[in-house]
Amino acid sequence: MKKIITFLIKNKLFVAIVFLISISSWSTVALANANSIVVESDSVNVRVGPGLSYSNMGQVKKGDKLAILAEKNKWYQVRLSGDKIGWVASWLIDNTEVSSATNKVGIVKVPNTTVFQKNNSDSEVLGTIEQSQKVTVMYQEQDWSQILYKGTAAWVKSQFIQGTQETSGSSNTSNDDIKTVTVTQANTKLRIEPNDNGRAIKSVDVGKKFDYLSKSGNWYKVRDTDGSVGYIASWLVTISGSKSAVKSAATNISEATIVIDPGHGGTDVGAESSKKTYEKNFTLQYAKAIKADIEKTGARVVLTRSGDDTKSLGDRARLSSKIEADAYVSLHFDSSDQSNAGSGVTTYYYGKDKDGQLATDINNQLKNLAIDNRGTQQKDLYVLHYNSQPSVLIELGYINSSTDYKHINSDSYKAAVAKDVTNGLKEYFK
C-alpha cells in the first residue's frame, strides 16, 4: 500500500513540475510577445539614446517588428536587425500622451574630465572634456550622468558636472539668449516661488514686460522695473532676445507635437457665407481632417477645440507653449467687404526667424490647391504674436466668394488641404 501511495505522490509531483514548467514557458512566450512592438508610423527615427537630442542611427518603417529591451524617459530601447541596439520614441508606437524629452545642461568643472562608454570606471574610455565646457545631460543614475558626447551616449561622474539646468528638448533656444518675457494673459500672477501655490507678489496685464533672469523648470525668474523679482509660468508669456527663434529638435514629423487651431467657435461664428453657413464650422471640419492625416505619420496632434466651443485667443496661443508644441497651425477662411470681391489662399506668419520657414514650407504645398495662392505675408496677429512656438495662420479661401466657396464646401478640397498641410510639415521637420 505504501508503495502505491509513494508512486502516486511521485507522479503527482512530476505532473505538477511539468505543469509549472509549461506555465513558465507560456509566460516567457507571453512576455516576449508583450515586449515586441510593431511600428505604426510611416517611418520612425532610431536614436543612439533616449531623447531627441541624440543623433540618428537609422530608421525603421511601418510594419517592422521590434523587441523592447528597456524603457527610459518615455523611450523604448529596441533590438534592430544585425543585433544593433537603439532607441525609439514610445509615443510613435502606442500614442502615449508625451511630448519632447526634457534634458539638462551642465558645465564641466574639472579639467580633462574622463568620458566612459558605460557607467563604470572600468569601461572603455571615449575621451575627455575640458573644464567649463557645456554638456547635455540626458539623465542621472546614482553617481553617474549620461551625456551626449560626439553624437553618442556616454557617461561621466556626476561630481564633475555643476549647474545642471532644465531645458526643453523641443527647443534649441539657449536660456542665455532670452532677454525679456512678455505677458500674454490678463491678471497673470508674479509669484514668490516657481509653482502655482507660490504666494502672488502682484498681478499684471497683457503686454507687461519683465527682464529675464533664469529658468526653473517651466517657470521663468524675472525682474520688474521697480526691482521686484519673482517667477512667472512659461506658458503665460512669450520670450524675446538676441536669438528668440524656437526651432524644433525633431528631424522627422513623426517625432513632433503639433497644435491645430480651428479658428472661432461657440459664440464667435466668424465670417458668414452667402449660403448662411459659418466659418467656425468649416475650420473645425478642416482641423479634424488635417489632424487625421497628420496622425498617419505618427505625430502627436492636439486641437485647441474639438467641438463648438468658445476659446479666447490667449488660450489658443498659450496651449502650444504649455505642451511645448513643435508647430502651431491656425485655420481660418477669409471674407471681403463685398461678396465675390476677394479670392485666394494666404499663409500668415509673425516673426521671420521663428515662423518664416514654417510658413514657406506649408504654403509651397498649398500652391497645389484649386483656389489661387496669394503667398506668405508677415502680419501681427494675436495667436502668432503671443505664441512662443513656430506658428502660422492660414486663410484657406474666401467664404463669401462663390468660386472659392464651391471648393471650400467640397470634400475633395478638404482632403487636398489636409494632404498639403501634412506634406508642408514633413518638409519643415526635415
Protein backbone atom coordinates (compact mmCIF):
# COMPACT_ATOMS: atom_id res chain seq x y z
CA MET A 1 0.00 0.00 0.00
CA LYS A 2 2.88 2.37 0.91
CA LYS A 3 4.49 1.72 -2.49
CA ILE A 4 1.29 2.66 -4.27
CA ILE A 5 0.96 5.88 -2.26
CA THR A 6 4.62 6.73 -2.89
CA PHE A 7 4.12 6.10 -6.62
CA LEU A 8 1.07 8.36 -6.72
CA ILE A 9 2.84 11.13 -4.82
CA LYS A 10 5.82 10.97 -7.19
CA ASN A 11 3.55 11.04 -10.22
CA LYS A 12 1.60 13.99 -8.87
CA LEU A 13 4.84 15.80 -8.17
CA PHE A 14 6.03 15.06 -11.71
CA VAL A 15 2.76 16.35 -13.17
CA ALA A 16 2.99 19.48 -11.02
CA ILE A 17 6.56 20.10 -12.18
CA VAL A 18 5.59 19.63 -15.83
CA PHE A 19 2.64 21.95 -15.30
CA LEU A 20 4.84 24.64 -13.71
CA ILE A 21 7.40 24.34 -16.50
CA SER A 22 4.61 24.68 -19.06
CA ILE A 23 3.26 27.75 -17.29
CA SER A 24 6.75 29.21 -17.12
CA SER A 25 7.34 28.59 -20.83
CA TRP A 26 3.98 30.09 -21.71
CA SER A 27 4.73 33.13 -19.53
CA THR A 28 8.08 33.59 -21.24
CA VAL A 29 6.42 33.48 -24.66
CA ALA A 30 3.68 35.84 -23.48
CA LEU A 31 6.27 38.23 -22.07
CA ALA A 32 8.25 38.08 -25.30
CA ASN A 33 5.11 38.86 -27.26
CA ALA A 34 4.21 41.67 -24.85
CA ASN A 35 7.72 43.11 -25.26
CA SER A 36 7.63 43.17 -29.04
CA ILE A 37 6.11 46.08 -30.92
CA VAL A 38 5.06 46.78 -34.47
CA VAL A 39 5.86 50.22 -35.94
CA GLU A 40 2.66 52.03 -36.88
CA SER A 41 4.14 55.23 -38.31
CA ASP A 42 5.39 55.54 -41.89
CA SER A 43 8.94 55.94 -40.62
CA VAL A 44 10.48 56.35 -37.19
CA ASN A 45 13.95 57.63 -36.34
CA VAL A 46 16.13 55.34 -34.25
CA ARG A 47 18.43 57.30 -31.95
CA VAL A 48 21.56 56.33 -30.05
CA GLY A 49 20.00 57.39 -26.74
CA PRO A 50 16.60 58.04 -25.13
CA GLY A 51 15.92 61.62 -26.29
CA LEU A 52 15.56 63.90 -29.30
CA SER A 53 19.00 65.40 -28.64
CA TYR A 54 20.68 62.11 -29.53
CA SER A 55 21.84 61.61 -33.11
CA ASN A 56 20.03 59.34 -35.56
CA MET A 57 21.44 55.89 -36.22
CA GLY A 58 18.84 54.91 -38.81
CA GLN A 59 15.13 54.44 -39.36
CA VAL A 60 12.53 51.71 -39.09
CA LYS A 61 9.46 51.63 -41.28
CA LYS A 62 5.79 50.83 -40.87
CA GLY A 63 5.19 47.16 -40.15
CA ASP A 64 8.67 46.46 -38.73
CA LYS A 65 8.60 44.33 -35.58
CA LEU A 66 10.96 45.37 -32.80
CA ALA A 67 11.88 43.73 -29.49
CA ILE A 68 11.76 46.06 -26.47
CA LEU A 69 14.75 45.68 -24.16
CA ALA A 70 14.16 48.58 -21.75
CA GLU A 71 12.28 51.86 -21.26
CA LYS A 72 13.64 55.21 -20.06
CA ASN A 73 12.38 58.77 -20.31
CA LYS A 74 9.35 57.57 -22.32
CA TRP A 75 11.66 55.98 -24.89
CA TYR A 76 11.95 52.29 -25.79
CA GLN A 77 15.32 50.62 -26.18
CA VAL A 78 14.90 48.15 -29.05
CA ARG A 79 16.86 45.49 -30.86
CA LEU A 80 17.27 46.04 -34.60
CA SER A 81 18.43 43.82 -37.41
CA GLY A 82 22.05 42.79 -37.10
CA ASP A 83 21.65 42.89 -33.30
CA LYS A 84 22.05 46.67 -33.24
CA ILE A 85 20.54 48.45 -30.24
CA GLY A 86 18.79 51.83 -30.46
CA TRP A 87 16.01 53.97 -29.00
CA VAL A 88 12.60 54.96 -30.42
CA ALA A 89 10.01 57.36 -29.00
CA SER A 90 7.26 55.41 -27.23
CA TRP A 91 4.54 57.79 -28.44
CA LEU A 92 5.23 56.73 -32.02
CA ILE A 93 4.34 53.18 -31.04
CA ASP A 94 1.48 53.36 -28.54
CA ASN A 95 0.48 57.05 -28.84
CA THR A 96 1.05 57.87 -25.16
CA GLU A 97 0.45 61.50 -24.29
CA VAL A 98 4.02 62.69 -24.13
CA SER A 99 5.97 65.32 -25.97
CA SER A 100 9.63 66.12 -26.36
CA ALA A 101 12.08 64.88 -23.75
CA THR A 102 13.46 67.17 -21.04
CA ASN A 103 17.23 67.34 -20.73
CA LYS A 104 19.65 69.36 -18.63
CA VAL A 105 22.67 71.43 -19.50
CA GLY A 106 25.66 71.13 -17.18
CA ILE A 107 29.12 72.68 -17.06
CA VAL A 108 32.22 70.56 -16.58
CA LYS A 109 34.07 71.81 -13.51
CA VAL A 110 37.20 69.60 -13.59
CA PRO A 111 39.94 69.76 -16.27
CA ASN A 112 40.18 66.73 -18.58
CA THR A 113 37.07 65.00 -17.22
CA THR A 114 37.08 61.39 -18.41
CA VAL A 115 34.21 60.19 -20.59
CA PHE A 116 33.33 56.49 -20.30
CA GLN A 117 31.34 54.24 -22.59
CA LYS A 118 29.38 52.84 -19.62
CA ASN A 119 28.61 53.97 -16.08
CA ASN A 120 31.65 52.09 -14.82
CA SER A 121 35.21 53.32 -14.31
CA ASP A 122 36.49 50.04 -15.76
CA SER A 123 34.66 50.52 -19.08
CA GLU A 124 36.21 51.86 -22.28
CA VAL A 125 37.36 55.50 -22.20
CA LEU A 126 35.89 57.53 -25.08
CA GLY A 127 37.81 60.73 -24.43
CA THR A 128 37.98 63.75 -22.15
CA ILE A 129 36.13 67.06 -21.80
CA GLU A 130 37.77 70.36 -20.95
CA GLN A 131 36.84 72.45 -17.93
CA SER A 132 33.94 74.96 -18.36
CA GLN A 133 32.59 73.11 -21.42
CA LYS A 134 28.78 72.73 -21.57
CA VAL A 135 27.34 69.22 -21.91
CA THR A 136 23.82 67.89 -22.45
CA VAL A 137 22.86 65.65 -19.53
CA MET A 138 20.21 63.10 -20.55
CA TYR A 139 19.62 61.53 -17.15
CA GLN A 140 21.44 60.63 -13.96
CA GLU A 141 21.84 57.30 -12.23
CA GLN A 142 23.41 57.10 -8.77
CA ASP A 143 26.88 58.72 -9.06
CA TRP A 144 26.86 58.84 -12.88
CA SER A 145 25.44 61.17 -15.50
CA GLN A 146 24.72 60.12 -19.08
CA ILE A 147 25.66 62.84 -21.57
CA LEU A 148 25.60 63.44 -25.31
CA TYR A 149 29.21 63.07 -26.45
CA LYS A 150 30.25 63.30 -30.11
CA GLY A 151 26.82 62.15 -31.31
CA THR A 152 26.51 59.18 -28.97
CA ALA A 153 25.57 58.37 -25.37
CA ALA A 154 28.39 58.37 -22.83
CA TRP A 155 28.94 58.60 -19.08
CA VAL A 156 30.82 60.89 -16.69
CA LYS A 157 30.97 61.12 -12.92
CA SER A 158 28.15 63.42 -11.70
CA GLN A 159 30.50 65.08 -9.23
CA PHE A 160 32.44 66.61 -12.14
CA ILE A 161 29.40 68.50 -13.52
CA GLN A 162 27.82 71.55 -11.97
CA GLY A 163 24.96 73.94 -12.62
CA THR A 164 22.58 71.49 -14.33
CA GLN A 165 19.74 73.49 -15.71
CA GLU A 166 16.50 72.15 -17.18
CA THR A 167 15.91 72.90 -20.81
CA SER A 168 13.20 71.65 -23.14
CA GLY A 169 14.13 69.04 -25.69
CA SER A 170 11.70 70.62 -28.14
CA SER A 171 13.72 73.82 -28.43
CA ASN A 172 17.31 74.67 -29.07
CA THR A 173 16.94 78.20 -27.72
CA SER A 174 19.59 78.80 -25.06
CA ASN A 175 18.34 80.46 -21.89
CA ASP A 176 21.30 82.83 -22.28
CA ASP A 177 19.63 84.20 -25.43
CA ILE A 178 16.45 85.27 -23.61
CA LYS A 179 16.37 88.99 -22.76
CA THR A 180 12.74 89.73 -21.87
CA VAL A 181 9.44 87.93 -21.36
CA THR A 182 6.07 89.44 -22.34
CA VAL A 183 2.81 88.50 -20.60
CA THR A 184 0.04 87.12 -22.84
CA GLN A 185 -2.83 86.72 -20.35
CA ALA A 186 -4.68 89.28 -18.26
CA ASN A 187 -4.36 89.06 -14.48
CA THR A 188 -1.19 86.97 -14.69
CA LYS A 189 0.45 86.38 -11.30
CA LEU A 190 4.09 87.05 -10.49
CA ARG A 191 4.84 84.55 -7.72
CA ILE A 192 7.42 84.27 -4.96
CA GLU A 193 8.15 80.61 -5.85
CA PRO A 194 8.18 78.68 -9.20
CA ASN A 195 4.82 76.90 -8.74
CA ASP A 196 1.08 77.60 -8.75
CA ASN A 197 0.98 77.54 -4.95
CA GLY A 198 3.63 80.25 -4.57
CA ARG A 199 2.39 83.49 -2.97
CA ALA A 200 1.45 86.10 -5.59
CA ILE A 201 3.61 89.23 -5.48
CA LYS A 202 1.45 91.13 -7.96
CA SER A 203 -0.95 90.73 -10.89
CA VAL A 204 -0.10 92.12 -14.33
CA ASP A 205 -1.91 92.59 -17.64
CA VAL A 206 -1.26 91.52 -21.22
CA GLY A 207 1.79 93.17 -22.73
CA LYS A 208 3.68 93.63 -19.47
CA LYS A 209 7.43 93.06 -19.99
CA PHE A 210 9.94 91.69 -17.49
CA ASP A 211 13.69 91.29 -17.63
CA TYR A 212 14.61 87.60 -17.82
CA LEU A 213 16.93 86.27 -15.09
CA SER A 214 16.84 82.45 -15.23
CA LYS A 215 14.64 79.40 -15.65
CA SER A 216 13.38 76.88 -13.08
CA GLY A 217 11.51 74.01 -14.70
CA ASN A 218 8.59 75.53 -16.63
CA TRP A 219 8.85 78.86 -14.78
CA TYR A 220 10.85 81.99 -15.61
CA LYS A 221 12.55 84.03 -12.91
CA VAL A 222 12.07 87.68 -13.87
CA ARG A 223 12.64 91.21 -12.60
CA ASP A 224 10.27 94.18 -12.93
CA THR A 225 11.32 97.78 -13.47
CA ASP A 226 10.57 98.52 -9.79
CA GLY A 227 13.19 95.95 -8.78
CA SER A 228 10.75 93.24 -7.64
CA VAL A 229 11.82 89.69 -8.54
CA GLY A 230 9.61 86.63 -8.88
CA TYR A 231 8.53 83.70 -11.04
CA ILE A 232 6.06 83.56 -13.90
CA ALA A 233 4.74 80.49 -15.75
CA SER A 234 6.38 79.99 -19.15
CA TRP A 235 3.06 79.21 -20.84
CA LEU A 236 1.72 82.67 -19.91
CA VAL A 237 4.44 84.62 -21.72
CA THR A 238 6.42 84.86 -24.91
CA ILE A 239 10.18 85.34 -24.96
CA SER A 240 12.40 87.71 -26.90
CA GLY A 241 16.14 88.22 -27.17
CA SER A 242 19.09 88.27 -29.49
CA LYS A 243 18.17 84.81 -30.74
CA SER A 244 14.50 84.33 -29.97
CA ALA A 245 13.84 81.74 -32.66
CA VAL A 246 12.44 78.45 -31.39
CA LYS A 247 13.49 75.53 -33.57
CA SER A 248 12.22 72.03 -33.03
CA ALA A 249 14.66 69.27 -32.16
CA ALA A 250 12.54 66.86 -34.18
CA THR A 251 14.08 65.88 -37.51
CA ASN A 252 11.08 63.85 -38.58
CA ILE A 253 7.40 64.79 -38.39
CA SER A 254 6.74 61.54 -36.52
CA GLU A 255 8.63 62.94 -33.51
CA ALA A 256 6.70 66.23 -33.42
CA THR A 257 3.83 67.60 -31.37
CA ILE A 258 1.60 69.83 -33.50
CA VAL A 259 -1.26 72.10 -32.45
CA ILE A 260 -4.08 72.67 -34.96
CA ASP A 261 -6.29 75.65 -34.11
CA PRO A 262 -9.79 75.73 -35.67
CA GLY A 263 -10.49 79.47 -35.71
CA HIS A 264 -13.56 80.96 -33.98
CA GLY A 265 -16.15 78.67 -32.33
CA GLY A 266 -19.07 78.93 -29.91
CA THR A 267 -20.47 82.45 -29.74
CA ASP A 268 -17.77 83.60 -32.19
CA VAL A 269 -19.17 82.35 -35.51
CA GLY A 270 -16.57 84.03 -37.73
CA ALA A 271 -17.36 85.01 -41.31
CA GLU A 272 -20.68 84.12 -42.94
CA SER A 273 -21.16 82.82 -46.47
CA SER A 274 -23.97 83.71 -48.84
CA LYS A 275 -25.38 80.25 -48.03
CA LYS A 276 -25.73 81.32 -44.36
CA THR A 277 -23.02 78.91 -43.23
CA TYR A 278 -20.37 79.95 -40.73
CA GLU A 279 -16.59 80.00 -40.75
CA LYS A 280 -16.41 78.32 -37.31
CA ASN A 281 -17.96 75.12 -38.66
CA PHE A 282 -15.62 74.86 -41.64
CA THR A 283 -12.49 75.47 -39.55
CA LEU A 284 -13.42 72.61 -37.21
CA GLN A 285 -14.17 70.23 -40.09
CA TYR A 286 -10.84 71.04 -41.74
CA ALA A 287 -8.93 70.79 -38.44
CA LYS A 288 -10.24 67.29 -37.85
CA ALA A 289 -9.36 66.25 -41.41
CA ILE A 290 -5.83 67.65 -41.05
CA LYS A 291 -5.41 66.01 -37.64
CA ALA A 292 -6.38 62.61 -39.05
CA ASP A 293 -3.94 62.98 -41.95
CA ILE A 294 -1.01 64.14 -39.81
CA GLU A 295 -1.56 61.35 -37.27
CA LYS A 296 -0.87 58.82 -40.01
CA THR A 297 2.76 59.95 -39.83
CA GLY A 298 2.93 59.12 -36.11
CA ALA A 299 2.97 62.75 -34.93
CA ARG A 300 1.02 63.83 -31.88
CA VAL A 301 -1.73 66.31 -32.84
CA VAL A 302 -3.68 68.46 -30.37
CA LEU A 303 -6.70 70.63 -31.30
CA THR A 304 -7.39 73.91 -29.47
CA ARG A 305 -11.05 72.93 -29.61
CA SER A 306 -12.74 69.69 -30.66
CA GLY A 307 -16.33 70.97 -30.54
CA ASP A 308 -18.33 74.18 -30.94
CA ASP A 309 -16.54 75.83 -28.02
CA THR A 310 -15.70 79.45 -27.32
CA LYS A 311 -11.93 79.80 -26.83
CA SER A 312 -10.03 83.01 -26.19
CA LEU A 313 -7.13 83.96 -28.44
CA GLY A 314 -4.85 83.83 -25.40
CA ASP A 315 -5.87 80.26 -24.54
CA ARG A 316 -5.24 79.19 -28.13
CA ALA A 317 -1.77 80.73 -28.29
CA ARG A 318 -0.72 79.55 -24.83
CA LEU A 319 -1.65 75.92 -25.49
CA SER A 320 1.34 75.39 -27.78
CA SER A 321 3.68 76.86 -25.16
CA LYS A 322 2.15 74.80 -22.37
CA ILE A 323 2.62 71.47 -24.16
CA GLU A 324 5.87 72.58 -25.83
CA ALA A 325 4.48 72.01 -29.31
CA ASP A 326 6.86 71.92 -32.26
CA ALA A 327 4.47 73.77 -34.59
CA TYR A 328 1.15 75.63 -34.41
CA VAL A 329 -1.25 75.99 -37.35
CA SER A 330 -4.35 78.20 -37.07
CA LEU A 331 -7.11 77.70 -39.67
CA HIS A 332 -9.43 80.42 -41.00
CA PHE A 333 -11.46 81.39 -44.07
CA ASP A 334 -11.22 84.91 -45.40
CA SER A 335 -14.06 87.32 -46.19
CA SER A 336 -14.25 90.54 -48.19
CA ASP A 337 -16.43 93.61 -47.57
CA GLN A 338 -18.47 92.72 -50.64
CA SER A 339 -19.35 89.28 -51.98
CA ASN A 340 -17.08 87.95 -54.72
CA ALA A 341 -14.58 90.78 -54.17
CA GLY A 342 -11.75 88.55 -52.98
CA SER A 343 -10.27 85.14 -53.65
CA GLY A 344 -7.25 83.05 -52.72
CA VAL A 345 -5.29 81.24 -50.01
CA THR A 346 -2.89 83.22 -47.77
CA THR A 347 -0.39 81.98 -45.17
CA TYR A 348 0.46 84.48 -42.43
CA TYR A 349 3.40 84.48 -40.02
CA TYR A 350 4.67 86.92 -37.39
CA GLY A 351 8.42 86.60 -36.97
CA LYS A 352 10.75 85.66 -39.82
CA ASP A 353 13.26 83.74 -37.70
CA LYS A 354 10.67 81.76 -35.77
CA ASP A 355 7.85 81.31 -38.24
CA GLY A 356 9.08 82.18 -41.73
CA GLN A 357 10.34 78.75 -42.70
CA LEU A 358 7.21 77.02 -41.40
CA ALA A 359 5.04 79.42 -43.44
CA THR A 360 7.13 78.88 -46.58
CA ASP A 361 7.14 75.09 -46.34
CA ILE A 362 3.39 74.83 -45.82
CA ASN A 363 2.46 77.49 -48.38
CA ASN A 364 4.61 75.85 -51.07
CA GLN A 365 2.39 72.79 -50.77
CA LEU A 366 -0.84 74.82 -50.71
CA LYS A 367 0.03 76.15 -54.17
CA ASN A 368 -1.33 72.84 -55.50
CA LEU A 369 -4.90 73.70 -54.40
CA ALA A 370 -7.75 74.56 -56.75
CA ILE A 371 -8.00 78.05 -55.21
CA ASP A 372 -5.32 80.58 -56.21
CA ASN A 373 -2.44 81.16 -53.81
CA ARG A 374 -1.68 84.67 -52.54
CA GLY A 375 1.64 83.63 -50.95
CA THR A 376 3.01 84.22 -47.47
CA GLN A 377 2.63 87.53 -45.62
CA GLN A 378 4.07 88.83 -42.37
CA LYS A 379 1.30 90.10 -40.10
CA ASP A 380 0.85 90.94 -36.42
CA LEU A 381 -1.96 88.56 -35.41
CA TYR A 382 -2.60 87.76 -31.75
CA VAL A 383 -2.26 83.95 -31.93
CA LEU A 384 1.05 84.42 -33.75
CA HIS A 385 2.44 87.40 -31.84
CA TYR A 386 1.81 85.83 -28.42
CA ASN A 387 2.89 82.35 -29.40
CA SER A 388 6.36 81.23 -28.30
CA GLN A 389 6.38 78.27 -30.69
CA PRO A 390 6.74 78.30 -34.52
CA SER A 391 3.28 79.30 -35.75
CA VAL A 392 1.30 80.22 -38.85
CA LEU A 393 -2.27 81.24 -39.65
CA ILE A 394 -3.78 80.06 -42.95
CA GLU A 395 -6.75 81.70 -44.70
CA LEU A 396 -7.96 78.82 -46.87
CA GLY A 397 -10.05 80.83 -49.28
CA TYR A 398 -12.81 83.47 -49.22
CA ILE A 399 -16.02 82.14 -47.72
CA ASN A 400 -18.12 84.88 -49.38
CA SER A 401 -16.70 84.22 -52.83
CA SER A 402 -18.95 81.94 -54.88
CA THR A 403 -15.98 80.40 -56.72
CA ASP A 404 -13.92 79.81 -53.57
CA TYR A 405 -16.96 78.60 -51.59
CA LYS A 406 -17.66 75.91 -54.17
CA HIS A 407 -14.30 74.36 -53.30
CA ILE A 408 -14.41 75.13 -49.56
CA ASN A 409 -17.69 73.23 -49.26
CA SER A 410 -16.33 70.14 -51.04
CA ASP A 411 -14.77 67.01 -49.54
CA SER A 412 -12.14 66.90 -52.27
CA TYR A 413 -10.78 70.35 -51.37
CA LYS A 414 -10.77 69.49 -47.69
CA ALA A 415 -8.80 66.30 -48.36
CA ALA A 416 -6.35 68.21 -50.55
CA VAL A 417 -5.78 70.82 -47.81
CA ALA A 418 -5.14 68.08 -45.25
CA LYS A 419 -2.61 66.41 -47.54
CA ASP A 420 -0.83 69.67 -48.36
CA VAL A 421 -0.55 70.81 -44.73
CA THR A 422 0.84 67.40 -43.77
CA ASN A 423 3.37 67.48 -46.60
CA GLY A 424 4.38 71.03 -45.67
CA LEU A 425 5.04 69.94 -42.09
CA LYS A 426 7.04 66.97 -43.34
CA GLU A 427 9.28 69.38 -45.24
CA TYR A 428 9.60 71.67 -42.24
CA PHE A 429 10.81 68.88 -39.94
CA LYS A 430 13.42 67.51 -42.36
